[in-house]
Protein backbone atom coordinates (compact mmCIF):
# COMPACT_ATOMS: atom_id res chain seq x y z
CA MET A 1 0.00 0.00 0.00
CA GLU A 2 1.41 3.40 -0.99
CA PHE A 3 1.31 6.52 1.20
CA LEU A 4 -1.75 8.43 0.06
CA GLY A 5 -1.59 12.23 0.25
CA THR A 6 2.18 12.63 -0.38
CA THR A 7 4.12 13.99 -3.36
CA GLN A 8 6.53 12.20 -5.61
CA THR A 9 9.23 14.88 -5.16
CA ALA A 10 10.04 13.75 -1.62
CA SER A 11 12.60 10.97 -1.96
CA TYR A 12 11.99 9.71 1.52
CA CYS A 13 8.26 9.20 1.06
CA GLY A 14 8.06 7.70 -2.42
CA PRO A 15 5.91 4.62 -3.13
CA LYS A 16 7.25 1.54 -1.50
CA LYS A 17 6.05 -2.02 -1.57
CA SER A 18 4.52 -3.05 1.67
CA TYR A 19 4.96 -6.50 3.09
CA LEU A 20 2.20 -5.97 5.62
CA PHE A 21 -0.85 -5.34 3.47
CA PRO A 22 -1.67 -6.39 -0.09
CA GLU A 23 -1.51 -3.89 -2.91
CA PRO A 24 -4.71 -1.89 -3.44
CA VAL A 25 -6.75 -2.01 -6.59
CA SER A 26 -5.57 0.57 -9.08
CA THR A 27 -7.87 3.54 -9.62
CA SER A 28 -8.20 5.88 -12.56
CA THR A 29 -5.81 8.78 -13.01
CA THR A 30 -8.68 11.27 -13.30
CA GLN A 31 -10.14 10.19 -9.97
CA ASP A 32 -6.75 10.56 -8.25
CA SER A 33 -6.20 14.02 -9.73
CA TYR A 34 -9.30 15.57 -8.13
CA GLN A 35 -9.74 15.52 -4.40
CA SER A 36 -13.04 15.84 -2.63
CA TYR A 37 -14.42 19.40 -2.76
CA TYR A 38 -14.43 21.33 0.51
CA LEU A 39 -15.98 24.70 1.12
CA PRO A 40 -13.38 27.43 1.81
CA GLY A 41 -13.14 28.35 5.46
CA TYR A 42 -15.09 25.27 6.62
CA ARG A 43 -13.17 22.67 8.59
CA TYR A 44 -14.25 19.06 8.26
CA LEU A 45 -13.58 16.30 10.70
CA ASN A 46 -10.70 14.69 8.75
CA THR A 47 -9.18 17.75 7.02
CA TRP A 48 -6.32 17.92 9.49
CA ARG A 49 -5.06 14.35 8.89
CA PRO A 50 -4.06 12.42 5.78
CA SER A 51 -5.93 9.41 4.52
CA LEU A 52 -2.96 7.11 5.07
CA PHE A 53 -3.97 3.78 6.63
CA TYR A 54 -7.61 4.87 6.45
CA ARG A 55 -8.31 3.13 3.18
CA VAL A 56 -7.49 -0.57 2.58
CA SER A 57 -7.73 -2.42 -0.66
CA ALA A 58 -10.56 -4.90 -0.97
CA VAL A 59 -8.54 -7.43 -3.07
CA PRO A 60 -8.84 -10.88 -1.45
CA THR A 61 -5.68 -12.59 -0.34
CA ASN A 62 -4.65 -16.15 -1.27
CA SER A 63 -3.01 -18.82 0.78
CA ASP A 64 0.45 -18.26 -0.81
CA GLU A 65 0.52 -14.68 0.13
CA GLN A 66 -0.57 -15.58 3.64
CA GLY A 67 2.34 -18.00 3.86
CA ASN A 68 4.73 -15.37 2.62
CA MET A 69 3.43 -12.99 5.23
CA ARG A 70 4.19 -15.51 7.93
CA ASN A 71 7.76 -15.90 6.64
CA CYS A 72 8.40 -12.19 5.97
CA ALA A 73 10.88 -10.06 7.83
CA PRO A 74 9.90 -8.14 10.96
CA LEU A 75 7.76 -4.99 10.52
CA ARG A 76 9.61 -1.75 9.74
CA PRO A 77 8.23 1.59 11.06
CA PRO A 78 7.13 4.17 8.45
CA THR A 79 9.78 6.55 7.19
CA ILE A 80 7.60 9.72 7.53
CA LEU A 81 6.44 11.36 10.73
CA PRO A 82 2.66 11.96 11.30
CA SER A 83 3.18 15.72 11.66
CA VAL A 84 4.97 15.87 8.29
CA ARG A 85 2.22 13.84 6.64
CA SER A 86 -0.41 16.28 7.95
CA ALA A 87 1.51 19.28 6.60
CA LEU A 88 1.91 17.73 3.13
CA TYR A 89 -1.79 17.06 2.71
CA ALA A 90 -3.36 19.35 0.02
CA ARG A 91 -6.56 20.92 1.41
CA TYR A 92 -7.93 22.72 -1.70
CA SER A 93 -8.14 21.81 -5.38
CA PRO A 94 -6.96 23.96 -8.35
CA ARG A 95 -10.57 24.77 -9.03
CA ASP A 96 -10.87 26.30 -5.57
CA TRP A 97 -7.64 28.22 -6.14
CA TYR A 98 -8.84 29.77 -9.42
CA ARG A 99 -12.22 30.54 -7.93
CA ALA A 100 -10.65 32.32 -4.91
CA ASN A 101 -8.47 34.43 -7.25
CA THR A 102 -11.50 35.37 -9.34
CA VAL A 103 -13.36 36.45 -6.21
CA GLN A 104 -10.37 38.59 -5.19
CA TYR A 105 -10.27 40.26 -8.65
CA LYS A 106 -13.96 41.05 -8.59
CA GLY A 107 -13.81 42.32 -4.98
CA SER A 108 -10.86 44.58 -5.79
CA GLU A 109 -12.61 45.96 -8.88
CA SER A 110 -15.82 46.59 -6.88
CA CYS A 111 -13.89 48.35 -4.11
CA ARG A 112 -12.05 50.56 -6.62
CA HIS A 113 -15.32 51.41 -8.36
CA TRP A 114 -16.98 52.24 -5.05
CA ALA A 115 -13.98 54.35 -3.94
CA GLY A 116 -14.09 56.33 -7.20
CA ARG A 117 -17.78 57.07 -6.84
CA LEU A 118 -17.25 57.99 -3.19
CA ASN A 119 -14.50 60.46 -4.08
CA GLU A 120 -16.65 62.16 -6.74
CA ASP A 121 -19.65 62.32 -4.43
CA SER A 122 -17.47 63.67 -1.61
CA LEU A 123 -16.20 66.52 -3.82
CA ARG A 124 -19.72 67.46 -4.84
CA LEU A 125 -20.88 67.16 -1.23
CA MET A 126 -18.11 69.47 0.01
CA GLN A 127 -18.97 72.06 -2.63
CA ASP A 128 -22.69 71.92 -1.85
CA LYS A 129 -22.16 72.08 1.91
CA ASP A 130 -19.70 74.96 1.58
CA GLN A 131 -22.23 76.91 -0.47
CA LEU A 132 -24.99 76.01 2.00
CA THR A 133 -22.83 77.12 4.95
CA HIS A 134 -22.12 80.54 3.40
CA GLN A 135 -25.76 80.98 2.47
CA THR A 136 -26.93 80.01 5.96
CA GLN A 137 -24.43 82.37 7.59
CA ASP A 138 -25.56 85.26 5.36
CA ASN A 139 -29.21 84.58 6.14
CA THR A 140 -28.45 84.46 9.86
CA GLY A 141 -26.60 87.78 9.63
CA ARG A 142 -29.53 89.42 7.86
CA SER A 143 -31.90 88.01 10.48
CA LEU A 144 -29.75 89.45 13.27
CA GLY A 145 -29.75 92.83 11.54
CA GLN A 146 -33.53 92.78 11.25
CA ARG A 147 -33.73 91.75 14.88
CA LEU A 148 -31.60 94.75 15.90
CA SER A 149 -33.95 97.03 13.97
CA ASP A 150 -36.96 95.56 15.76
CA ILE A 151 -35.26 95.98 19.15
CA ASP A 152 -34.44 99.63 18.34
CA PHE A 153 -38.07 100.29 17.42
CA TRP A 154 -39.45 98.81 20.63
CA ARG A 155 -36.75 100.55 22.70
CA SER A 156 -37.84 103.92 21.35
CA GLU A 157 -41.51 103.11 22.02
CA LEU A 158 -40.77 101.97 25.56
CA THR A 159 -38.60 105.02 26.28
CA TYR A 160 -41.30 107.42 25.08
CA GLU A 161 -44.01 105.69 27.09
CA LEU A 162 -41.80 105.54 30.18
CA GLU A 163 -41.20 109.30 30.07
CA ARG A 164 -44.92 110.00 29.84
CA LEU A 165 -45.63 107.56 32.65
CA LEU A 166 -43.02 109.17 34.90
CA THR A 167 -44.62 112.57 34.32
CA GLU A 168 -48.02 111.21 35.25
CA THR A 169 -46.53 109.44 38.27
CA ARG A 170 -45.13 112.71 39.61
CA ALA A 171 -48.53 114.37 39.23
CA LEU A 172 -50.15 111.41 40.94
CA GLU A 173 -47.69 111.61 43.83
CA THR A 174 -48.79 115.18 44.45
CA SER A 175 -52.39 114.10 44.73
CA LYS A 176 -51.31 111.13 46.79
CA ARG A 177 -49.59 113.31 49.38
CA ARG A 178 -52.76 115.32 49.80
CA LEU A 179 -54.83 112.20 50.20
CA GLU A 180 -52.31 110.81 52.68
CA CYS A 181 -53.04 113.72 54.96
CA ALA A 182 -56.73 112.93 54.74
CA ALA A 183 -56.01 109.23 55.18
CA ASP A 184 -54.01 109.91 58.32
CA GLU A 185 -57.01 111.65 59.80
CA ALA A 186 -59.26 108.80 58.69
CA GLN A 187 -56.86 106.17 59.97
CA ARG A 188 -58.48 105.95 63.37
CA PRO A 189 -61.96 105.25 61.98
CA LEU A 190 -60.46 102.74 59.52
CA LYS A 191 -58.82 100.78 62.34
CA VAL A 192 -62.19 99.76 63.72
CA ALA A 193 -63.57 98.58 60.35
CA ASN A 194 -64.60 94.93 60.16
CA GLY A 195 -64.86 92.79 57.03
CA TRP A 196 -68.58 92.24 57.54
CA SER A 197 -69.45 95.93 57.85
CA SER A 198 -70.81 97.11 54.49
CA SER A 199 -70.81 100.70 55.67
CA LEU A 200 -67.12 100.71 56.47
CA ILE A 201 -66.29 98.78 53.27
CA LEU A 202 -67.51 101.74 51.20
CA ASN A 203 -65.43 104.05 53.35
CA VAL A 204 -62.29 101.93 52.86
CA LEU A 205 -62.74 101.65 49.08
CA VAL A 206 -63.10 105.39 48.68
CA CYS A 207 -60.04 106.19 50.79
CA LEU A 208 -57.76 103.55 49.25
CA SER A 209 -58.75 103.84 45.58
CA LEU A 210 -55.98 106.32 44.85
CA ALA A 211 -53.40 104.13 46.56
CA LEU A 212 -54.54 101.22 44.38
CA ILE A 213 -54.19 103.25 41.19
CA PHE A 214 -50.77 104.47 42.32
CA THR A 215 -49.71 100.86 42.92
CA LYS A 216 -50.85 99.88 39.42
CA THR A 217 -48.96 102.85 37.97
CA GLN A 218 -45.80 101.78 39.76
CA ASP A 219 -46.27 98.22 38.49
CA ALA A 220 -46.57 99.51 34.93
CA GLN A 221 -43.46 101.64 35.45
CA HIS A 222 -41.47 98.69 36.77
CA ALA A 223 -42.64 96.54 33.85
CA LEU A 224 -41.54 99.19 31.34
CA GLU A 225 -38.16 99.65 33.05
CA ARG A 226 -37.58 95.92 33.21
CA ASP A 227 -38.59 95.45 29.57
CA LEU A 228 -36.38 98.36 28.49
CA SER A 229 -33.45 96.92 30.44
CA ASP A 230 -33.97 93.54 28.78
CA LYS A 231 -34.14 95.21 25.38
CA ASN A 232 -30.82 97.00 26.03
CA SER A 233 -29.15 93.76 27.08
CA ALA A 234 -30.57 91.90 24.09
CA HIS A 235 -29.47 94.70 21.74
CA PHE A 236 -25.93 94.56 23.11
CA ILE A 237 -25.76 90.77 22.76
CA ASP A 238 -27.31 90.67 19.27
CA GLU A 239 -25.06 93.48 18.07
CA LYS A 240 -22.03 91.60 19.34
CA CYS A 241 -23.22 88.44 17.59
CA TYR A 242 -23.97 90.39 14.40
CA ASN A 243 -20.38 91.69 14.26
CA LEU A 244 -18.82 88.23 14.65
CA ARG A 245 -17.02 86.90 11.56
CA ASN A 246 -15.09 83.75 10.73
CA THR A 247 -11.86 85.61 11.54
CA SER A 248 -13.10 87.18 14.77
CA ASP A 249 -11.48 86.53 18.11
CA GLY A 250 -13.42 84.77 20.83
CA ILE A 251 -15.24 82.25 18.63
CA SER A 252 -15.08 78.70 19.91
CA TYR A 253 -16.83 75.36 19.92
CA TYR A 254 -19.79 74.93 22.25
CA HIS A 255 -20.78 71.33 21.72
CA GLY A 256 -24.45 70.59 22.20
CA VAL A 257 -25.53 74.25 22.42
CA GLU A 258 -27.82 73.78 19.41
CA LYS A 259 -29.68 71.01 21.27
CA ILE A 260 -30.50 73.23 24.26
CA ASP A 261 -33.66 75.25 23.65
CA GLY A 262 -33.73 77.88 26.37
CA THR A 263 -36.08 80.21 24.53
CA VAL A 264 -39.23 81.36 26.28
CA SER A 265 -40.98 83.26 23.49
CA VAL A 266 -41.48 83.53 19.73
CA PRO A 267 -41.38 86.76 17.67
CA GLU A 268 -45.16 87.17 17.96
CA THR A 269 -45.23 86.76 21.74
CA TRP A 270 -42.04 88.84 22.06
CA ALA A 271 -43.62 91.81 20.28
CA LYS A 272 -46.92 91.24 22.08
CA PHE A 273 -45.13 91.37 25.45
CA SER A 274 -43.77 94.87 24.83
CA ASP A 275 -47.05 95.97 23.27
CA ASP A 276 -48.94 94.71 26.32
CA ASN A 277 -46.58 96.59 28.63
CA ILE A 278 -47.15 99.79 26.67
CA ARG A 279 -50.92 99.28 26.65
CA HIS A 280 -50.86 98.54 30.37
CA SER A 281 -48.94 101.76 30.95
CA GLN A 282 -51.38 103.73 28.80
CA ASN A 283 -54.32 102.31 30.72
CA ALA A 284 -52.60 103.14 34.00
CA ARG A 285 -52.01 106.73 32.84
CA ALA A 286 -55.60 107.07 31.71
CA ASN A 287 -56.87 105.76 35.03
CA SER A 288 -54.49 108.03 36.89
CA MET A 289 -55.64 111.15 35.04
CA LYS A 290 -59.25 110.19 35.53
CA LEU A 291 -58.66 109.60 39.21
CA ARG A 292 -56.86 112.90 39.72
CA GLU A 293 -59.81 114.71 38.20
CA GLU A 294 -62.11 112.98 40.64
CA THR A 295 -59.84 113.51 43.64
CA GLU A 296 -61.32 116.85 44.69
CA ASN A 297 -64.88 115.59 44.50
CA THR A 298 -63.87 112.39 46.21
CA LEU A 299 -62.33 114.18 49.19
CA GLU A 300 -65.47 116.19 49.78
CA ASN A 301 -67.73 113.22 49.26
CA VAL A 302 -65.59 111.13 51.57
CA SER A 303 -65.87 113.67 54.34
CA GLU A 304 -69.66 113.71 54.13
CA GLU A 305 -69.89 109.97 53.62
CA MET A 306 -67.63 109.17 56.56
CA TRP A 307 -69.76 111.21 58.93
CA LYS A 308 -72.82 109.45 57.62
CA GLN A 309 -71.13 106.08 57.84
CA PHE A 310 -69.96 106.85 61.35
CA THR A 311 -73.55 106.95 62.52
CA ASP A 312 -74.62 103.97 60.41
CA THR A 313 -71.64 101.95 61.58
CA ASN A 314 -72.47 102.46 65.22
CA LEU A 315 -75.96 101.14 64.55
CA ALA A 316 -74.54 98.23 62.51
CA PHE A 317 -72.16 97.35 65.33
CA THR A 318 -75.04 97.13 67.77
CA ASN A 319 -77.08 94.90 65.47
CA ARG A 320 -74.10 92.75 64.65
CA ILE A 321 -73.26 92.12 68.28
CA ALA A 322 -76.80 90.87 68.87
CA GLU A 323 -76.71 88.61 65.80
CA THR A 324 -73.33 87.18 66.75
CA ALA A 325 -74.49 86.36 70.27
CA ASP A 326 -77.61 84.61 68.94
CA THR A 327 -75.55 82.61 66.41
CA LYS A 328 -73.12 81.62 69.12
CA ASN A 329 -75.93 80.19 71.24
CA LYS A 330 -77.27 78.17 68.30
CA LEU A 331 -73.80 76.80 67.55
CA GLN A 332 -73.45 75.66 71.14
CA THR A 333 -76.76 73.79 70.84
CA HIS A 334 -75.65 72.06 67.63
CA LEU A 335 -72.32 71.18 69.24
CA ALA A 336 -74.05 69.46 72.15
CA LYS A 337 -76.22 67.42 69.77
CA THR A 338 -73.17 66.50 67.70
CA LEU A 339 -71.32 65.26 70.77
CA GLN A 340 -74.30 63.08 71.71
CA GLU A 341 -74.43 61.63 68.19
CA ILE A 342 -70.68 60.94 68.28
CA PHE A 343 -71.14 58.97 71.49
CA GLN A 344 -73.94 56.87 69.97
CA THR A 345 -71.95 56.26 66.78
CA GLU A 346 -68.94 55.08 68.78
CA ASN A 347 -71.18 52.59 70.62
CA THR A 348 -72.54 51.35 67.29
CA ILE A 349 -69.00 50.87 65.95
CA MET A 350 -68.07 48.90 69.07
CA LEU A 351 -71.12 46.63 68.66
CA LEU A 352 -70.35 46.09 64.96
CA GLU A 353 -66.76 45.12 65.75
CA ARG A 354 -67.98 42.62 68.35
CA ALA A 355 -70.46 41.17 65.86
CA ILE A 356 -67.71 40.76 63.26
CA MET A 357 -65.45 39.04 65.78
CA ALA A 358 -68.34 36.74 66.76
CA LYS A 359 -68.74 35.61 63.12
CA GLU A 360 -65.08 34.71 62.70
CA CYS A 361 -65.25 31.48 64.75
CA PRO A 362 -68.27 30.02 62.87
CA LEU A 363 -66.51 30.83 59.60
CA LYS A 364 -63.36 29.08 60.79
CA VAL A 365 -65.41 26.02 61.85
CA ALA A 366 -67.17 25.81 58.48
CA GLN A 367 -63.96 26.25 56.50
CA THR A 368 -62.15 23.71 58.69
CA ARG A 369 -64.95 21.19 58.11
CA LEU A 370 -64.74 21.76 54.37
CA GLU A 371 -60.97 21.39 54.41
CA GLY A 372 -61.20 18.20 56.47
CA ARG A 373 -63.77 16.62 54.14
CA THR A 374 -61.42 17.18 51.18
CA ARG A 375 -59.23 14.38 52.61
CA ARG A 376 -61.91 11.70 52.09
CA PRO A 377 -60.47 8.88 49.98
CA ASN A 378 -61.54 7.90 46.48
CA VAL A 379 -65.28 7.73 45.88
CA GLU A 380 -65.98 8.84 49.44
CA LEU A 381 -65.13 12.33 48.24
CA CYS A 382 -68.81 12.86 47.48
CA ARG A 383 -70.63 16.12 46.89
CA ASP A 384 -73.34 15.23 49.35
CA ILE A 385 -75.86 17.34 51.24
CA PRO A 386 -73.43 18.18 54.08
CA GLN A 387 -71.00 19.41 51.45
CA PHE A 388 -73.64 21.71 49.98
CA LYS A 389 -74.66 22.85 53.45
CA LEU A 390 -71.07 23.64 54.42
CA VAL A 391 -70.43 25.59 51.21
CA ASN A 392 -73.68 27.49 51.69
CA GLU A 393 -72.73 28.17 55.31
CA VAL A 394 -69.33 29.57 54.31
CA PHE A 395 -70.88 31.83 51.67
CA THR A 396 -73.58 32.98 54.08
CA ILE A 397 -71.14 33.79 56.88
CA ASP A 398 -68.76 35.49 54.46
CA ASP A 399 -71.61 37.59 53.05
CA THR A 400 -72.62 38.45 56.60
CA LEU A 401 -69.06 39.51 57.41
CA GLN A 402 -68.86 41.64 54.29
CA THR A 403 -72.16 43.32 55.13
CA LEU A 404 -71.08 43.99 58.70
CA LYS A 405 -67.69 45.30 57.58
CA LEU A 406 -69.36 47.57 55.05
CA ARG A 407 -71.68 48.88 57.73
CA LEU A 408 -68.66 49.30 60.03
CA ARG A 409 -66.87 51.38 57.41
CA GLU A 410 -69.99 53.48 56.94
CA ALA A 411 -70.22 54.01 60.69
CA GLN A 412 -66.54 54.95 60.85
CA ASP A 413 -66.97 57.38 57.96
CA THR A 414 -69.98 58.87 59.70
CA LEU A 415 -67.95 59.19 62.88
CA GLN A 416 -65.23 61.00 60.97
CA LEU A 417 -67.80 63.39 59.53
CA LEU A 418 -69.23 63.98 62.98
CA VAL A 419 -65.77 64.64 64.41
CA LEU A 420 -65.01 67.00 61.53
CA ASN A 421 -68.33 68.77 62.08
CA LYS A 422 -67.54 69.00 65.79
CA ALA A 423 -64.17 70.60 65.03
CA ARG A 424 -65.81 73.06 62.66
CA LEU A 425 -68.44 73.97 65.24
CA GLU A 426 -65.81 74.46 67.92
CA HIS A 427 -63.72 76.59 65.57
CA ASP A 428 -66.77 78.63 64.58
CA LEU A 429 -67.65 79.10 68.24
CA SER A 430 -64.17 80.39 68.98
CA VAL A 431 -64.42 82.74 66.00
CA LYS A 432 -67.79 84.02 67.15
CA ALA A 433 -66.49 84.58 70.67
CA ASN A 434 -63.51 86.46 69.29
CA SER A 435 -65.80 88.52 67.04
CA LEU A 436 -67.95 89.50 70.00
CA PHE A 437 -64.87 90.55 71.93
CA ILE A 438 -63.56 92.63 69.00
CA ASP A 439 -66.92 94.29 68.28
CA LYS A 440 -67.34 95.33 71.90
CA LYS A 441 -63.80 96.66 71.93
CA CYS A 442 -64.44 98.62 68.73
CA MET A 443 -67.51 100.25 70.21
CA ASP A 444 -65.31 101.58 72.99
CA MET A 445 -62.81 102.96 70.45
CA ARG A 446 -65.44 104.78 68.36
CA LYS A 447 -65.77 107.74 70.71
CA THR A 448 -63.77 110.32 68.75
CA PHE A 449 -63.90 111.27 65.03
CA PRO A 450 -61.77 113.73 62.93
CA SER A 451 -63.13 117.10 61.82
CA THR A 452 -64.18 117.91 58.24
CA PRO A 453 -61.10 120.04 57.27
CA ARG A 454 -58.79 117.26 58.33
CA LEU A 455 -60.77 114.71 56.37
CA VAL A 456 -60.31 116.66 53.10
CA GLY A 457 -56.51 116.89 53.62
CA TYR A 458 -56.07 120.62 54.15
CA THR A 459 -54.45 120.25 57.56
């Protein structure tokens, strides 16, 4: 048997006649030239070892050859090492070799074609993006310039309106100082005014109307000043951004700044904000002028009205004290009834809890009986009348427990409502007692009243 899988160029592994095994049957040259086809990159079980001694000829032996084998010389070890035989084994055929080269040629050509197209597309892309970048930068610059023009317009409008508002504020302060003198004289009657007194409410509204308008005027002034300050800051920032160029100093990367949207308005709401501030200022000025015209009449009317209200208020105090005392007595009666109902509800809750606890043992007995009967063997596990009775008993007791628990929750909720009502009644009683104390104290304070010249602010 020859060494399969070796070459004829190696002198030490050429075909030799074996005295151990008979010669194999000769095969065709074409069949020896082509090895079995293996997929590239796929390792089979026997690809790492040669086929030597794995294939034996099927030629039958005769008796002479068997006798010669008995008389032959001792066995000689092979002249080639197993590791060398494995290295000399050819894994691929010429067909695989040509096919692999063809695949390499086609892959190289495809890569070169793709690289050429990529280079051309990259050049066109760079030109388009460069043009787009310049166009975008020019559009942004024009937008910033238009924005600066809009800011200048609103700055001029705000400045003009602020000057007019300051003039009106100074005139209003003059009227305010005069009314403050009258308010100082009316301060003592105002100190005894209660929220429930309709007579004193009219007095308070008349005296404090100018202060309210002055507060609104100051709010409008602060809004204009704040808006104007923001416009100045925005104009400075936008002008600085407008003057930035590609060669300017101070430009740098700010990664992720385009993803942060910190804006709080759009152009429509931005313009509407300043317009609303101006309109608010105009309304405040109109109200201020109208109020200053009515100031003189108001001072005189206030003087007469306060004297009239002084008398009416004394009468209202007397009536109010009587009403408060009567209401306090009624609240005390309702509180006593509520306390009695709370006591009865607590007893009901205690009885319901005892009833629920009393139903737990029968339920345990019924469920234990049912559980014990489940251990009956084989056919004895019968759905008999006791079984039905026990199931019905469990459902009945469970329904009873659910009903009692529901009624217990209702009783507890009712108790909570009663307790809440009790707290409200107690709080209302304390308020009524405090009101009576204050009203009586106010009646003691209402013994003096300012004169008419002081009420109109001349002194």
